[in-house]
Amino acid sequence: MWGSAPAAAAPAVKNGDEFFAGQSRRYIEDTFGGSLPHFLASFIGGSKLSGKQAEELVRLINEHTEG
């Protein structure tokens, strides 16, 4: 019955950040074939990044680069 299942069997509850991160990854996978560069190119469109935005992207890339 419902009350007899162990607590560990219940699905994990995600916080808002984890939920939206998963949704974002799924969108990029479904829409851009998982290509983050294609997503960024589409997101930026014909506009220019500010120096601060470019620096932040470089910092994020450096923090999350394998190797």
C-alpha atoms as a PDB file:
ATOM      1  CA  MET A   1       0.000   0.000   0.000  1.00  0.00           C
ATOM      2  CA  TRP A   2       0.948   3.680  -0.151  1.00  0.00           C
ATOM      3  CA  GLY A   3       2.104   3.946   3.450  1.00  0.00           C
ATOM      4  CA  SER A   4       4.337   0.880   3.347  1.00  0.00           C
ATOM      5  CA  ALA A   5       6.904   2.097   0.795  1.00  0.00           C
ATOM      6  CA  PRO A   6      10.243   3.165   2.283  1.00  0.00           C
ATOM      7  CA  ALA A   7      11.002   6.888   2.262  1.00  0.00           C
ATOM      8  CA  ALA A   8      14.011   6.276  -0.006  1.00  0.00           C
ATOM      9  CA  ALA A   9      11.649   5.111  -2.765  1.00  0.00           C
ATOM     10  CA  ALA A  10      10.046   8.564  -3.032  1.00  0.00           C
ATOM     11  CA  PRO A  11      11.298  10.709  -5.945  1.00  0.00           C
ATOM     12  CA  ALA A  12      13.825  13.374  -5.043  1.00  0.00           C
ATOM     13  CA  VAL A  13      12.465  16.896  -4.864  1.00  0.00           C
ATOM     14  CA  LYS A  14      14.527  19.423  -6.806  1.00  0.00           C
ATOM     15  CA  ASN A  15      14.918  23.020  -5.808  1.00  0.00           C
ATOM     16  CA  GLY A  16      13.982  25.723  -8.313  1.00  0.00           C
ATOM     17  CA  ASP A  17      17.515  26.176  -9.659  1.00  0.00           C
ATOM     18  CA  GLU A  18      17.936  22.439 -10.313  1.00  0.00           C
ATOM     19  CA  PHE A  19      14.545  22.255 -11.995  1.00  0.00           C
ATOM     20  CA  PHE A  20      15.194  25.186 -14.342  1.00  0.00           C
ATOM     21  CA  ALA A  21      18.724  23.961 -15.117  1.00  0.00           C
ATOM     22  CA  GLY A  22      17.254  20.623 -16.196  1.00  0.00           C
ATOM     23  CA  GLN A  23      14.591  22.356 -18.274  1.00  0.00           C
ATOM     24  CA  SER A  24      17.259  24.508 -19.948  1.00  0.00           C
ATOM     25  CA  ARG A  25      19.440  21.494 -20.770  1.00  0.00           C
ATOM     26  CA  ARG A  26      16.425  19.684 -22.205  1.00  0.00           C
ATOM     27  CA  TYR A  27      15.513  22.712 -24.345  1.00  0.00           C
ATOM     28  CA  ILE A  28      19.065  23.005 -25.723  1.00  0.00           C
ATOM     29  CA  GLU A  29      19.133  19.269 -26.427  1.00  0.00           C
ATOM     30  CA  ASP A  30      15.753  19.268 -28.166  1.00  0.00           C
ATOM     31  CA  THR A  31      16.115  22.538 -30.078  1.00  0.00           C
ATOM     32  CA  PHE A  32      19.833  22.751 -30.862  1.00  0.00           C
ATOM     33  CA  GLY A  33      20.841  19.085 -30.834  1.00  0.00           C
ATOM     34  CA  GLY A  34      22.651  19.648 -27.547  1.00  0.00           C
ATOM     35  CA  SER A  35      24.975  22.272 -29.052  1.00  0.00           C
ATOM     36  CA  LEU A  36      25.617  25.028 -26.534  1.00  0.00           C
ATOM     37  CA  PRO A  37      27.539  27.090 -29.143  1.00  0.00           C
ATOM     38  CA  HIS A  38      24.529  26.933 -31.503  1.00  0.00           C
ATOM     39  CA  PHE A  39      22.240  27.975 -28.658  1.00  0.00           C
ATOM     40  CA  LEU A  40      24.465  30.921 -27.734  1.00  0.00           C
ATOM     41  CA  ALA A  41      24.749  32.054 -31.354  1.00  0.00           C
ATOM     42  CA  SER A  42      20.954  31.970 -31.663  1.00  0.00           C
ATOM     43  CA  PHE A  43      20.459  33.681 -28.303  1.00  0.00           C
ATOM     44  CA  ILE A  44      22.876  36.496 -29.120  1.00  0.00           C
ATOM     45  CA  GLY A  45      21.489  36.891 -32.632  1.00  0.00           C
ATOM     46  CA  GLY A  46      22.839  39.973 -34.367  1.00  0.00           C
ATOM     47  CA  SER A  47      23.513  41.873 -31.158  1.00  0.00           C
ATOM     48  CA  LYS A  48      26.876  42.521 -29.533  1.00  0.00           C
ATOM     49  CA  LEU A  49      27.971  41.363 -26.089  1.00  0.00           C
ATOM     50  CA  SER A  50      29.262  43.942 -23.668  1.00  0.00           C
ATOM     51  CA  GLY A  51      32.811  43.492 -22.443  1.00  0.00           C
ATOM     52  CA  LYS A  52      31.448  42.461 -19.040  1.00  0.00           C
ATOM     53  CA  GLN A  53      29.133  39.838 -20.596  1.00  0.00           C
ATOM     54  CA  ALA A  54      31.997  38.416 -22.674  1.00  0.00           C
ATOM     55  CA  GLU A  55      34.259  38.237 -19.605  1.00  0.00           C
ATOM     56  CA  GLU A  56      31.551  36.419 -17.649  1.00  0.00           C
ATOM     57  CA  LEU A  57      31.092  33.867 -20.441  1.00  0.00           C
ATOM     58  CA  VAL A  58      34.847  33.281 -20.624  1.00  0.00           C
ATOM     59  CA  ARG A  59      34.949  32.822 -16.837  1.00  0.00           C
ATOM     60  CA  LEU A  60      32.096  30.304 -16.956  1.00  0.00           C
ATOM     61  CA  ILE A  61      33.715  28.402 -19.821  1.00  0.00           C
ATOM     62  CA  ASN A  62      37.022  28.260 -17.968  1.00  0.00           C
ATOM     63  CA  GLU A  63      35.346  27.036 -14.766  1.00  0.00           C
ATOM     64  CA  HIS A  64      33.452  24.271 -16.557  1.00  0.00           C
ATOM     65  CA  THR A  65      36.082  23.070 -19.049  1.00  0.00           C
ATOM     66  CA  GLU A  66      37.193  19.467 -18.710  1.00  0.00           C
ATOM     67  CA  GLY A  67      40.824  18.690 -18.272  1.00  0.00           C
END
